[in-house]
Structure formats: structure tokens, C-alpha cells
Protein backbone atom coordinates (compact mmCIF):
# COMPACT_ATOMS: atom_id res chain seq x y z
CA MET A 1 -0.27 0.14 -0.09
CA LYS A 2 1.38 3.60 -0.82
CA LYS A 3 2.29 6.04 1.80
CA HIS A 4 0.87 9.36 2.03
CA ALA A 5 3.75 11.61 1.99
CA SER A 6 4.86 14.33 4.41
CA GLY A 7 7.27 16.69 5.29
CA PRO A 8 7.82 19.82 2.96
CA PHE A 9 6.96 17.95 -0.41
CA GLY A 10 3.96 16.34 0.94
CA ARG A 11 0.82 16.76 3.38
CA GLN A 12 1.15 19.76 5.51
CA ARG A 13 0.87 19.20 9.34
CA ALA A 14 -2.04 21.04 10.84
CA PHE A 15 -2.26 23.31 13.80
CA THR A 16 -2.67 21.97 17.03
CA LEU A 17 -5.08 23.64 19.26
CA VAL A 18 -2.67 24.33 21.61
CA GLU A 19 -0.66 26.01 18.84
CA LEU A 20 -4.26 27.85 17.89
CA LEU A 21 -4.28 29.26 21.50
CA VAL A 22 -1.07 30.61 21.57
CA VAL A 23 -1.40 32.62 18.39
CA ILE A 24 -4.41 33.54 19.68
CA ALA A 25 -3.03 34.83 23.08
CA ILE A 26 -0.17 36.71 21.42
CA ILE A 27 -2.79 38.65 18.79
CA GLY A 28 -4.77 39.52 22.45
CA ILE A 29 -1.70 40.62 23.73
CA LEU A 30 -0.59 43.12 20.42
CA ILE A 31 -3.78 44.10 19.98
CA ALA A 32 -3.52 45.14 23.93
CA LEU A 33 -0.72 47.09 23.43
CA LEU A 34 -1.92 48.69 20.13
CA LEU A 35 -5.49 50.37 21.96
CA PRO A 36 -3.24 52.66 23.91
CA ALA A 37 -1.03 53.91 21.27
CA VAL A 38 -4.29 54.42 19.15
CA GLN A 39 -6.00 56.10 22.06
CA ALA A 40 -3.13 58.65 22.63
CA ALA A 41 -3.12 59.13 18.60
CA ARG A 42 -6.88 60.15 18.80
CA GLU A 43 -6.40 62.12 21.89
CA ALA A 44 -3.61 64.02 20.01
CA ALA A 45 -5.56 65.08 17.38
CA ARG A 46 -8.58 66.41 19.68
CA ARG A 47 -6.39 68.12 21.20
CA THR A 48 -4.50 69.66 18.68
CA GLN A 49 -8.01 70.74 17.48
CA CYS A 50 -8.68 72.19 20.90
CA VAL A 51 -5.88 73.88 20.28
CA ASN A 52 -6.96 75.64 17.02
CA ASN A 53 -10.43 76.26 18.51
CA LEU A 54 -8.91 78.41 20.75
CA LYS A 55 -6.12 79.99 18.72
CA GLN A 56 -9.30 80.67 16.28
CA LEU A 57 -11.11 82.47 18.87
CA GLY A 58 -8.20 84.54 19.99
CA LEU A 59 -7.92 85.88 16.62
CA ALA A 60 -10.88 86.65 16.58
CA MET A 61 -10.99 88.43 19.79
CA HIS A 62 -7.88 90.38 17.86
CA ASN A 63 -10.01 91.35 14.59
CA TYR A 64 -12.59 92.55 17.23
CA HIS A 65 -10.38 94.49 18.61
CA ASP A 66 -8.70 96.05 15.37
CA VAL A 67 -12.67 96.98 14.55
CA TYR A 68 -13.60 98.49 17.58
CA ASN A 69 -10.24 99.62 19.62
CA ILE A 70 -11.94 97.66 21.94
CA PHE A 71 -12.71 94.08 23.43
CA PRO A 72 -16.19 93.12 23.87
CA LYS A 73 -17.76 93.03 27.61
CA ASN A 74 -19.64 89.60 28.39
CA ALA A 75 -23.21 90.51 28.51
CA TYR A 76 -25.15 92.52 25.63
CA GLY A 77 -29.32 92.74 26.11
CA GLY A 78 -30.81 92.84 29.45
CA SER A 79 -32.46 96.10 30.42
CA ALA A 80 -31.21 97.95 27.11
CA PHE A 81 -33.96 96.07 25.22
CA GLY A 82 -36.72 96.08 27.81
CA TRP A 83 -35.91 92.64 29.07
CA ASN A 84 -34.61 91.84 32.87
CA GLY A 85 -31.28 92.98 33.33
CA TRP A 86 -29.88 89.45 33.48
CA GLU A 87 -31.33 88.33 30.31
CA CYS A 88 -27.65 89.31 28.11
CA LEU A 89 -25.82 87.73 25.40
CA SER A 90 -22.02 86.49 25.82
CA ALA A 91 -18.97 88.38 23.90
CA ASN A 92 -19.22 85.13 22.05
CA VAL A 93 -22.21 86.81 20.07
CA MET A 94 -19.97 89.41 18.96
CA LEU A 95 -17.53 87.35 17.63
CA LEU A 96 -19.69 85.49 14.97
CA PRO A 97 -19.01 87.26 12.29
CA TYR A 98 -14.94 86.69 12.91
CA ILE A 99 -15.84 82.82 13.45
CA GLU A 100 -17.54 82.44 9.62
CA GLN A 101 -20.93 82.95 11.35
CA GLY A 102 -21.90 85.82 9.71
CA PRO A 103 -25.70 84.93 8.64
CA LEU A 104 -25.98 83.50 12.53
CA TYR A 105 -25.08 87.18 13.88
CA ASN A 106 -27.45 89.16 11.32
CA GLN A 107 -30.22 86.75 13.20
CA PHE A 108 -29.11 87.80 16.22
CA ARG A 109 -29.13 91.79 15.43
CA GLU A 110 -32.94 90.89 14.09
CA ALA A 111 -33.88 89.16 17.39
CA PRO A 112 -34.66 92.06 19.22
CA ALA A 113 -38.34 92.43 17.88
CA GLY A 114 -38.64 88.49 18.89
CA GLY A 115 -38.05 89.08 22.12
CA TRP A 116 -35.51 87.51 24.55
CA GLY A 117 -37.40 83.99 23.31
CA ARG A 118 -36.00 84.21 20.07
CA TYR A 119 -32.41 85.42 21.06
CA HIS A 120 -32.37 82.32 23.34
CA GLY A 121 -33.50 79.60 20.47
CA LEU A 122 -30.80 81.10 18.33
CA MET A 123 -28.43 79.95 21.28
CA LYS A 124 -29.92 76.51 22.12
CA ASN A 125 -30.29 75.59 18.29
CA ASN A 126 -27.18 76.32 17.05
CA ARG A 127 -24.19 73.77 17.99
CA LEU A 128 -21.19 75.45 16.79
CA ALA A 129 -17.96 72.99 16.92
CA ALA A 130 -15.71 76.33 17.42
CA PHE A 131 -17.39 76.19 20.86
CA ILE A 132 -16.72 72.58 21.50
CA CYS A 133 -13.63 70.76 22.66
CA PRO A 134 -13.87 67.52 20.95
CA THR A 135 -12.53 65.71 24.22
CA THR A 136 -15.47 66.67 26.22
CA GLY A 137 -17.87 66.80 23.31
CA PRO A 138 -21.40 68.19 23.43
CA HIS A 139 -23.35 68.61 26.33
CA PRO A 140 -24.87 65.07 27.48
CA ASN A 141 -28.39 66.28 27.37
CA PRO A 142 -28.97 70.01 26.27
CA ASN A 143 -32.95 69.91 26.56
CA TYR A 144 -33.31 68.86 29.70
CA ASN A 145 -32.93 72.33 30.89
CA TYR A 146 -34.13 76.07 29.58
CA TRP A 147 -30.82 76.95 30.19
CA ALA A 148 -28.93 73.99 28.89
CA GLY A 149 -27.84 74.14 25.43
CA PRO A 150 -25.53 72.03 22.68
CA GLY A 151 -22.20 72.92 24.34
CA SER A 152 -20.15 75.64 25.41
CA HIS A 153 -16.11 74.73 26.75
CA TYR A 154 -14.38 77.80 26.22
CA ALA A 155 -14.64 80.78 28.35
CA TRP A 156 -13.29 84.30 28.78
CA CYS A 157 -11.22 84.78 32.11
CA SER A 158 -12.42 87.32 34.48
CA GLY A 159 -9.57 87.30 36.78
CA SER A 160 -8.42 85.91 40.04
CA SER A 161 -11.45 87.19 42.05
CA VAL A 162 -14.11 84.67 43.64
CA HIS A 163 -16.46 87.44 42.55
CA THR A 164 -18.89 86.23 39.59
CA ALA A 165 -20.56 87.99 36.97
CA TRP A 166 -22.76 91.24 38.23
CA ASN A 167 -20.94 90.96 41.92
CA ASN A 168 -18.36 93.76 41.68
CA ALA A 169 -18.04 93.22 38.15
CA ALA A 170 -16.47 96.48 37.30
CA ASN A 171 -13.60 95.57 39.79
CA GLN A 172 -12.93 91.98 38.41
CA ASN A 173 -9.40 92.23 37.51
CA GLY A 174 -9.25 90.07 34.39
CA MET A 175 -10.11 90.76 30.50
CA PHE A 176 -13.35 90.16 30.31
CA ASN A 177 -16.43 91.20 32.82
CA VAL A 178 -20.28 91.95 32.27
CA VAL A 179 -19.97 95.21 32.33
CA ARG A 180 -16.49 96.94 31.45
CA GLU A 181 -15.11 97.05 27.69
CA ARG A 182 -11.03 96.28 28.12
CA ARG A 183 -8.65 97.48 25.75
CA MET A 184 -5.27 95.92 25.03
CA SER A 185 -3.68 98.69 26.78
CA ASP A 186 -5.44 97.95 29.92
CA VAL A 187 -3.68 94.80 29.98
CA ARG A 188 -0.23 96.40 31.87
CA ASP A 189 1.00 93.01 32.53
CA GLY A 190 1.60 92.11 29.47
CA LEU A 191 -0.35 90.22 26.67
CA SER A 192 1.52 87.50 26.43
CA ASN A 193 1.77 87.00 30.26
CA THR A 194 -2.48 87.10 30.96
CA ILE A 195 -5.10 84.26 30.16
CA MET A 196 -7.81 85.39 27.82
CA ALA A 197 -9.56 82.25 27.45
CA SER A 198 -9.59 78.56 28.58
CA GLU A 199 -11.60 75.49 28.94
CA PHE A 200 -13.95 73.97 30.93
CA LEU A 201 -16.85 71.03 30.95
CA SER A 202 -20.48 70.36 30.23
CA GLY A 203 -22.69 69.56 33.55
CA ASP A 204 -23.80 65.62 33.38
CA GLY A 205 -27.46 67.34 32.44
CA ASN A 206 -28.61 65.16 35.12
CA ASP A 207 -31.39 67.59 37.79
CA ALA A 208 -31.22 64.74 40.30
CA ARG A 209 -28.00 64.33 41.20
CA ALA A 210 -24.28 66.53 41.30
CA THR A 211 -21.58 64.82 39.69
CA TYR A 212 -17.94 65.92 40.19
CA PRO A 213 -16.25 67.39 38.15
CA THR A 214 -18.65 68.48 35.58
CA ASP A 215 -21.23 69.87 37.91
CA VAL A 216 -21.33 73.39 39.79
CA PHE A 217 -21.83 72.60 43.68
CA TYR A 218 -23.18 75.42 45.87
CA ALA A 219 -21.04 75.77 49.19
CA GLY A 220 -23.23 78.78 50.79
CA ASP A 221 -22.00 82.71 50.93
CA GLY A 222 -19.87 81.98 54.50
CA VAL A 223 -17.04 80.29 53.30
CA PHE A 224 -16.81 82.97 50.51
CA ASN A 225 -17.35 86.11 52.93
CA ALA A 226 -14.42 84.32 54.87
CA VAL A 227 -11.53 84.91 52.14
CA ALA A 228 -9.90 87.87 53.17
CA ASP A 229 -8.86 89.08 49.63
CA LYS A 230 -11.31 88.63 47.47
CA PHE A 231 -9.18 88.83 44.60
CA TRP A 232 -6.43 86.73 45.77
CA PRO A 233 -7.74 83.46 47.81
CA THR A 234 -5.29 81.67 49.45
CA GLN A 235 -4.89 77.84 49.38
CA ALA A 236 -6.48 77.28 52.85
CA GLU A 237 -9.70 79.31 51.84
CA LEU A 238 -9.99 77.65 48.88
CA ASP A 239 -9.48 74.62 50.43
CA ALA A 240 -12.52 75.39 52.80
CA ILE A 241 -14.32 76.75 49.90
CA GLY A 242 -13.87 73.07 48.06
CA GLN A 243 -14.97 71.13 51.60
CA ALA A 244 -17.96 72.85 52.10
CA ALA A 245 -19.11 72.03 48.60
CA LEU A 246 -18.01 68.84 48.39
CA ASN A 247 -19.28 67.69 52.10
CA SER A 248 -22.46 70.11 52.52
CA PRO A 249 -23.88 71.00 49.22
CA GLN A 250 -26.63 73.53 49.07
CA GLY A 251 -27.35 72.58 46.17
CA HIS A 252 -26.10 72.37 42.58
CA LEU A 253 -26.62 73.04 38.71
CA SER A 254 -25.71 70.65 35.87
CA ASN A 255 -26.82 72.40 33.01
CA ASN A 256 -23.49 74.54 33.17
CA GLY A 257 -21.26 74.52 29.70
CA GLY A 258 -24.20 74.97 27.73
CA LEU A 259 -24.73 77.76 26.35
CA TRP A 260 -22.19 79.75 24.27
CA GLY A 261 -24.38 82.77 23.99
CA TRP A 262 -25.08 83.51 27.63
CA TYR A 263 -23.08 85.49 29.63
CA ALA A 264 -22.92 83.64 32.93
CA HIS A 265 -19.90 82.38 35.11
CA ALA A 266 -19.70 78.12 33.93
CA GLN A 267 -21.15 79.11 31.10
CA THR A 268 -18.84 81.86 28.90
CA LEU A 269 -17.00 82.62 31.84
CA PHE A 270 -14.37 81.28 34.17
CA ASN A 271 -11.90 82.55 36.63
CA THR A 272 -7.96 81.78 37.96
CA ALA A 273 -9.19 82.02 41.83
CA ALA A 274 -7.88 77.97 42.05
CA PRO A 275 -5.90 75.62 39.31
CA PRO A 276 -6.92 73.82 36.93
CA ASN A 277 -8.84 70.87 37.09
CA TRP A 278 -9.08 71.75 40.86
CA ARG A 279 -9.42 69.01 42.91
CA TRP A 280 -12.45 70.16 44.68
CA PRO A 281 -16.19 70.73 42.70
CA THR A 282 -16.56 74.05 40.91
CA ALA A 283 -18.49 75.91 43.32
CA GLY A 284 -20.41 78.69 43.96
CA GLY A 285 -21.71 80.57 47.20
CA ASN A 286 -25.72 80.56 47.93
CA CYS A 287 -26.43 81.06 44.27
CA CYS A 288 -25.87 80.73 41.05
CA PRO A 289 -22.94 81.07 38.56
CA GLY A 290 -23.94 79.25 35.35
CA GLY A 291 -27.90 79.83 36.05
CA ALA A 292 -30.32 82.19 34.54
CA HIS A 293 -28.71 84.77 37.20
CA ASP A 294 -25.60 84.87 37.95
CA TRP A 295 -24.08 86.72 40.98
CA GLY A 296 -22.48 86.69 44.32
CA TRP A 297 -19.10 84.29 44.50
CA GLY A 298 -17.80 81.38 42.80
CA VAL A 299 -14.74 79.47 42.44
CA ILE A 300 -15.08 78.79 38.35
CA PRO A 301 -11.65 76.80 37.77
CA ALA A 302 -10.39 75.98 34.04
CA ARG A 303 -11.27 71.89 33.51
CA SER A 304 -10.55 69.74 30.88
CA PHE A 305 -10.50 65.82 30.07
CA HIS A 306 -6.99 66.28 28.57
CA PRO A 307 -4.60 64.76 30.64
CA GLY A 308 -2.70 66.63 33.46
CA GLY A 309 -3.98 69.98 32.62
CA VAL A 310 -6.04 72.67 30.10
CA ASN A 311 -5.21 74.89 27.14
CA ALA A 312 -5.48 78.10 27.57
CA ALA A 313 -5.21 81.15 25.01
CA PHE A 314 -3.14 84.25 25.94
CA GLY A 315 -3.75 87.98 25.30
CA ASP A 316 -1.20 87.67 22.40
CA GLY A 317 -3.18 85.30 20.76
CA SER A 318 -0.71 82.14 21.38
CA VAL A 319 -1.85 79.11 23.33
CA ARG A 320 -0.05 77.26 26.13
CA PHE A 321 -0.91 74.02 27.90
CA ILE A 322 -1.22 75.13 31.42
CA SER A 323 -0.41 71.83 34.26
CA ASN A 324 -2.61 71.09 37.17
CA THR A 325 0.37 71.51 38.96
CA VAL A 326 1.05 75.14 38.52
CA ASP A 327 2.13 77.54 41.28
CA LEU A 328 -1.51 78.78 42.57
CA LEU A 329 0.05 82.74 43.07
CA THR A 330 1.48 82.33 39.71
CA TYR A 331 -1.60 81.20 38.53
CA GLN A 332 -3.91 83.69 39.92
CA ARG A 333 -1.23 86.44 38.71
CA LEU A 334 -1.71 84.89 34.97
CA GLY A 335 -5.50 85.71 35.01
CA ALA A 336 -5.12 89.55 36.29
CA VAL A 337 -4.28 92.34 33.91
CA ASP A 338 -2.63 94.48 35.84
CA ASP A 339 -1.23 93.45 39.21
CA GLY A 340 1.87 94.61 38.14
CA GLN A 341 3.99 91.38 39.64
CA PRO A 342 6.44 89.27 37.72
CA VAL A 343 4.98 85.61 36.70
CA ALA A 344 7.30 83.10 37.34
CA ASN A 345 7.57 80.17 34.88
CA PHE A 346 4.83 77.76 34.77
């Protein structure tokens, strides 16, 4: 009887089950090693897009200044149109012609005849990629609340003060607030040494729970009143505010970071009172940074989901990455326009 050939010129031996399992295990290990690299590459691309968004907003702000010789304040409308004084639009609306949104800007110009509801609808129903960090993504539930919206992840700097929006607004020491229009010449510390804008997160969109680090926790006014110098809170004073916000919150807000056209802190304003990605919750006093009527106190820090820190646009138009571990006083001074103190390396 003829025997079947084997070896290199005959029938090949099949894989055994053990060999097949080994191959599968090796493939699995290779995939496990590859995934973090893929994820890192994707985050690098998202971070690059985020940097580009901030650069475009900074350029738009400079173009606005070139035309009007002044930066816009962060509140337009209100009682000037016969509405409630706090029904106001942010500086972002004024920048629309400079970020290729001229037709939308024209709709805002026509809106007063339609009342505040028409303005609100334009904000709520137009999701603009220019105001959304791709790492953070759109607001998780933009329609759950009247004051929520499609996403607002870039904010203008009101300085180091714990005063928010209408509270002592004219004396807030950053480049932007709700009552004062600054010029480049007002930034006496130097445009390259002063933060113009940075990032923050959207709330979780769930009104039934308070979620760290996305939501605003209300700590009560007592811990803010205890701050000796409201423009330069110390580490100990900030820790007291953060502990009160986390351990005994008097309420919370989950629709922050939603409306790009709304003037409030935690919607289009932030402060440098606390460092980026502060370890405590974003905190308000009794009420209401980020809400319908922003007044009182708040520690509204820059936040992002980028590993290690946040992107920040400076007054000269440059964008730099600021680490979570930046020195507190250095970071506070970066938010102020004219404190007159040198800024250390960061």
C-alpha cells in the first residue's frame, strides 16, 4: 500500500489546538498593546483641534479689537432692550462674524423684535463646533433644562477674583467681565503674560444628582465671605470652600457649559482663583454661577479631560498648555491684567 507523503513535499501538518490558542493569545496581547497607542493618537488629534479652536477664538477677539479698538464685554441686551437685566448675551455673539458665522450674527441683530425667547432659541438650536472641545464632546443632555444648550467649553477669563458676573463686576481683574470693555492697553502686565480664555466642562445634564468634576456645587456664602482678599484667595481659603461644596452642598447645577451665547460664569466666563482641574468641585455661593441670574461668589476653574492640564489662550493670541500642578499664586497672576507682579515660569 502506498504511503502518503509528509514533510516539505507532502501533506502539511495542521495546527494543534494548543498552537492555535497561543497564536490567539499573542494577537490579543498585541491588540492590548496597540489600543493605548491608538487612543493616545486620537487624544493628540483632539487636543490639537482644541488648541486650534482657542487660537481661532483668540484671533477673532483680536480682529474685533482691530475694528472697534476695544474688547467686548461679556453681557449685551438685558434692560437695554426692555428685558430683565440678567437676560444678556456673551461676547461670543459679538465674535460670530469673525468665526465665519455672519448669517447667524445677522439673525441675532434681528432678534430684539422677537424678544428674549428668540435670542434664547438661536443659542439653544445652533451647535457650533468653534465652542466645543472634541475631547469633552457636546452637552450630554442639552434639552433637559431651559438654560441648557448644545455645548460651551471655552470661556473668557474674569481674573483671579471669586466675584462672579454682576457681583463687583467693574472691579474684576481679568480681561473680561459683564460691564467693562477693556482695551489692549489696559493689560499692563503684558498680553503674553495674561490669560484671555481657557476650557471648562459641561455639567452632566442630570438635575437629580451632583457630579464631580462636571457640575457646579453650591457651598453657601459663608465660606466666601471668610476670604480675606477676594481677589487673591489663599490655598487654605480655597480648601475651605471646596470642602464645603463637596461635603455639604446647598444645591447644584447640571446645565453649565451648555449655552455658548449666555453671559454667566460656568457658561462663558471662568476665573483663575483656583488652579486647572481643581481637586474640589466647581463651587458657587448660595447662588448662581452658570444659572439664569449669575451673581454672588464662585470658584469657577478651568477644566478639561486632557491628561494633566488645560489649554489656555493668552492675550497675544498664543495658546499654551497649563499643568494642573501650576503654582497657585502664579496662576492667579496670569489671570489678572494689571497686578504689576512678575510671573514665574509655569
